[in-house]
Protein backbone atom coordinates (compact mmCIF):
# COMPACT_ATOMS: atom_id res chain seq x y z
CA MET A 1 90.28 251.79 126.53
CA THR A 2 93.82 250.81 125.55
CA ILE A 3 96.76 253.05 126.41
CA ILE A 4 100.08 252.44 124.70
CA LEU A 5 103.34 253.23 126.38
CA TYR A 6 106.85 252.48 125.26
CA SER A 7 109.53 251.61 127.72
CA SER A 8 113.21 250.95 128.04
CA GLY A 9 114.33 247.43 127.34
CA SER A 10 113.38 247.69 123.66
CA SER A 11 109.70 247.13 124.39
CA VAL A 12 106.27 248.46 123.54
CA THR A 13 103.67 247.85 126.23
CA ALA A 14 99.87 248.20 126.00
CA TYR A 15 97.78 248.92 129.09
CA ALA A 16 94.04 248.91 129.66
CA LEU A 17 92.68 251.90 131.57
CA ASP A 18 89.59 251.12 133.63
CA PRO A 19 86.93 253.72 134.55
CA SER A 20 88.51 254.29 137.98
CA GLY A 21 91.83 255.26 136.39
CA VAL A 22 93.75 252.04 137.12
CA PHE A 23 96.16 250.68 134.51
CA THR A 24 96.42 246.95 133.79
CA ARG A 25 99.20 245.67 131.56
CA ARG A 26 97.72 243.73 128.65
CA GLN A 27 100.58 243.15 126.23
CA THR A 28 104.32 243.67 125.90
CA PHE A 29 106.27 243.35 122.67
CA THR A 30 110.05 243.10 123.17
CA TYR A 31 112.40 243.45 120.21
CA LYS A 32 116.01 242.48 119.49
CA LEU A 33 118.46 243.33 116.72
CA ASP A 34 120.60 240.74 114.96
CA GLY A 35 123.51 243.17 115.25
CA PRO A 36 124.19 246.88 115.63
CA GLY A 37 122.69 249.25 113.08
CA THR A 38 124.44 251.67 110.72
CA ASP A 39 125.24 253.96 113.68
CA PRO A 40 126.46 251.38 116.25
CA ASP A 41 126.79 253.96 119.05
CA ARG A 42 123.10 254.86 118.81
CA GLN A 43 121.68 251.71 117.20
CA ASP A 44 122.97 249.00 119.52
CA ALA A 45 119.41 247.84 120.30
CA PRO A 46 115.83 248.72 119.34
CA HIS A 47 114.81 252.08 120.80
CA PRO A 48 111.05 252.73 120.42
CA HIS A 49 110.35 256.48 120.50
CA GLY A 50 106.84 257.83 120.76
CA VAL A 51 103.45 256.42 119.92
CA VAL A 52 101.20 257.77 117.16
CA LEU A 53 97.52 256.91 116.61
CA ASP A 54 96.40 257.10 112.97
CA PRO A 55 93.41 259.35 112.11
CA THR A 56 91.04 256.37 111.74
CA GLY A 57 91.86 255.10 115.26
CA GLN A 58 92.68 251.67 113.83
CA PHE A 59 96.50 251.68 113.95
CA ILE A 60 99.30 252.59 116.34
CA LEU A 61 102.72 253.52 114.92
CA VAL A 62 105.91 253.42 117.00
CA PRO A 63 109.11 254.86 115.47
CA ASP A 64 112.11 252.71 116.46
CA LEU A 65 115.36 254.69 116.30
CA GLY A 66 117.57 251.64 116.87
CA ALA A 67 115.99 249.37 114.26
CA ASP A 68 115.31 251.94 111.50
CA LEU A 69 111.66 250.86 111.47
CA VAL A 70 108.27 252.30 112.26
CA ARG A 71 106.53 249.46 114.09
CA ILE A 72 102.85 249.18 113.22
CA PHE A 73 100.05 247.65 115.27
CA ARG A 74 96.43 247.17 114.28
CA ILE A 75 94.01 247.70 117.17
CA ASN A 76 91.61 244.75 117.22
CA PRO A 77 88.16 246.41 117.40
CA SER A 78 86.65 243.54 119.41
CA SER A 79 89.33 242.90 122.03
CA GLY A 80 91.34 246.15 122.00
CA LEU A 81 94.50 244.04 121.73
CA LEU A 82 97.33 245.08 119.44
CA GLU A 83 98.12 242.97 116.39
CA PRO A 84 101.64 243.53 115.00
CA GLN A 85 101.73 244.37 111.29
CA THR A 86 104.61 244.52 108.82
CA PRO A 87 106.73 247.51 109.91
CA LEU A 88 107.60 250.46 107.71
CA ALA A 89 111.32 250.18 106.89
CA VAL A 90 113.15 253.50 106.60
CA SER A 91 116.62 254.47 105.35
CA PRO A 92 119.44 252.64 107.18
CA GLY A 93 121.03 254.88 109.79
CA SER A 94 118.18 257.42 109.76
CA GLY A 95 116.95 256.69 113.30
CA PRO A 96 113.19 257.43 113.10
CA ARG A 97 112.09 259.20 116.27
CA HIS A 98 108.73 260.99 115.97
CA GLY A 99 105.81 261.01 113.54
CA THR A 100 102.53 262.78 113.00
CA PHE A 101 99.53 262.32 110.72
CA TRP A 102 97.87 265.07 108.72
CA THR A 103 94.45 265.06 107.09
CA PRO A 104 93.04 268.24 105.52
CA LYS A 105 90.27 269.95 107.46
CA GLY A 106 86.91 268.51 106.50
CA ALA A 107 88.41 265.45 104.80
CA ARG A 108 87.42 261.95 105.80
CA PRO A 109 90.40 260.23 107.50
CA GLY A 110 91.44 257.03 105.80
CA ARG A 111 91.11 258.20 102.21
CA ALA A 112 94.39 257.78 100.35
CA ILE A 113 94.15 261.20 98.72
CA ASP A 114 93.78 262.91 102.08
CA THR A 115 95.95 261.27 104.73
CA ARG A 116 99.69 261.90 105.09
CA PHE A 117 102.25 260.68 107.63
CA TYR A 118 105.35 262.75 108.38
CA LEU A 119 108.36 261.20 110.09
CA ALA A 120 111.26 263.02 111.75
CA SER A 121 114.44 260.95 111.94
CA GLU A 122 117.00 261.92 114.55
CA LEU A 123 120.23 260.38 113.27
CA ASN A 124 120.15 261.85 109.76
CA SER A 125 117.86 264.79 110.70
CA HIS A 126 115.51 264.15 107.82
CA LEU A 127 111.81 264.80 107.44
CA THR A 128 110.03 262.21 105.29
CA GLY A 129 106.45 262.43 104.01
CA TYR A 130 104.32 259.41 103.14
CA LYS A 131 100.96 259.12 101.43
CA VAL A 132 98.84 256.78 103.55
CA HIS A 133 96.73 254.06 101.97
CA TYR A 134 94.17 251.82 103.62
CA PRO A 135 93.89 248.70 101.42
CA LYS A 136 90.69 246.68 101.53
CA ASN A 137 92.54 243.86 103.35
CA GLY A 138 92.44 245.85 106.62
CA THR A 139 96.07 247.00 106.65
CA ILE A 140 97.81 250.36 106.35
CA ALA A 141 100.38 251.15 103.66
CA PHE A 142 102.80 254.01 103.01
CA GLU A 143 104.17 255.58 99.83
CA LYS A 144 107.10 257.99 100.27
CA PHE A 145 106.54 261.24 98.36
CA PHE A 146 108.82 263.74 100.08
CA GLU A 147 112.15 263.95 101.92
CA THR A 148 114.31 266.85 103.09
CA THR A 149 116.42 267.83 106.07
CA THR A 150 114.61 269.01 109.18
CA TYR A 151 116.50 272.27 108.83
CA GLY A 152 114.88 272.93 105.46
CA GLY A 153 118.06 273.16 103.45
CA PRO A 154 120.90 270.99 102.24
CA GLU A 155 123.23 271.71 105.18
CA LEU A 156 122.38 271.19 108.83
CA PRO A 157 124.11 273.18 111.56
CA SER A 158 126.94 271.11 113.03
CA GLY A 159 125.66 268.80 115.77
CA ALA A 160 121.95 269.39 115.05
CA THR A 161 119.58 266.45 115.43
CA ALA A 162 115.80 266.17 114.97
CA ALA A 163 113.89 266.13 118.24
CA GLU A 164 110.15 266.56 117.55
CA ILE A 165 107.52 267.04 114.87
CA ALA A 166 104.06 268.62 115.07
CA ILE A 167 101.34 269.93 112.80
CA SER A 168 100.41 273.49 113.72
CA VAL A 169 97.12 275.29 113.15
CA GLY A 170 96.89 275.85 109.44
CA PRO A 171 98.85 274.07 106.74
CA PHE A 172 102.23 274.20 108.50
CA LEU A 173 104.55 271.43 109.63
CA ALA A 174 107.08 272.23 112.34
CA THR A 175 110.15 270.28 113.37
CA GLN A 176 112.37 271.00 116.31
CA TYR A 177 116.02 270.17 116.37
CA ILE A 178 118.64 270.16 119.09
CA LEU A 179 122.12 271.61 118.72
């Protein structure tokens, strides 16, 4: 079993968990920026936030607030090792922080018509929806179809930032923001 943890130092680390509950570090991916991002106070370095497993169990996504990317890893089915894929680039200065997948009840995960990925970005407090595609070449692809503020309207309360995203029971998407 592979457990993915992110850590400070702009890194994503993968651990193996043995049957006795002991972790063994297997891989570490450390990232750097060529320069500060659009929001230099918050985007001075890569800042991985959260780890999301796709519904097929084949990919790990890691939103990176500092780099304005969602880093993508394919899980090698034979070795369990992570294989970096082309990241999902998001709007400059958005600061992606948390994501979640949604597949309708009873649908087969991995079908393009069924799977969606929702991303909450902290710096611009936006919620972005993507249709998820699984091309025959063994990758994962995203097509943006929706974007709004996490507050649900055109104006956010002063000082509000996105903090979390979750799919609730039923067809509802919830975001949390901090004032």
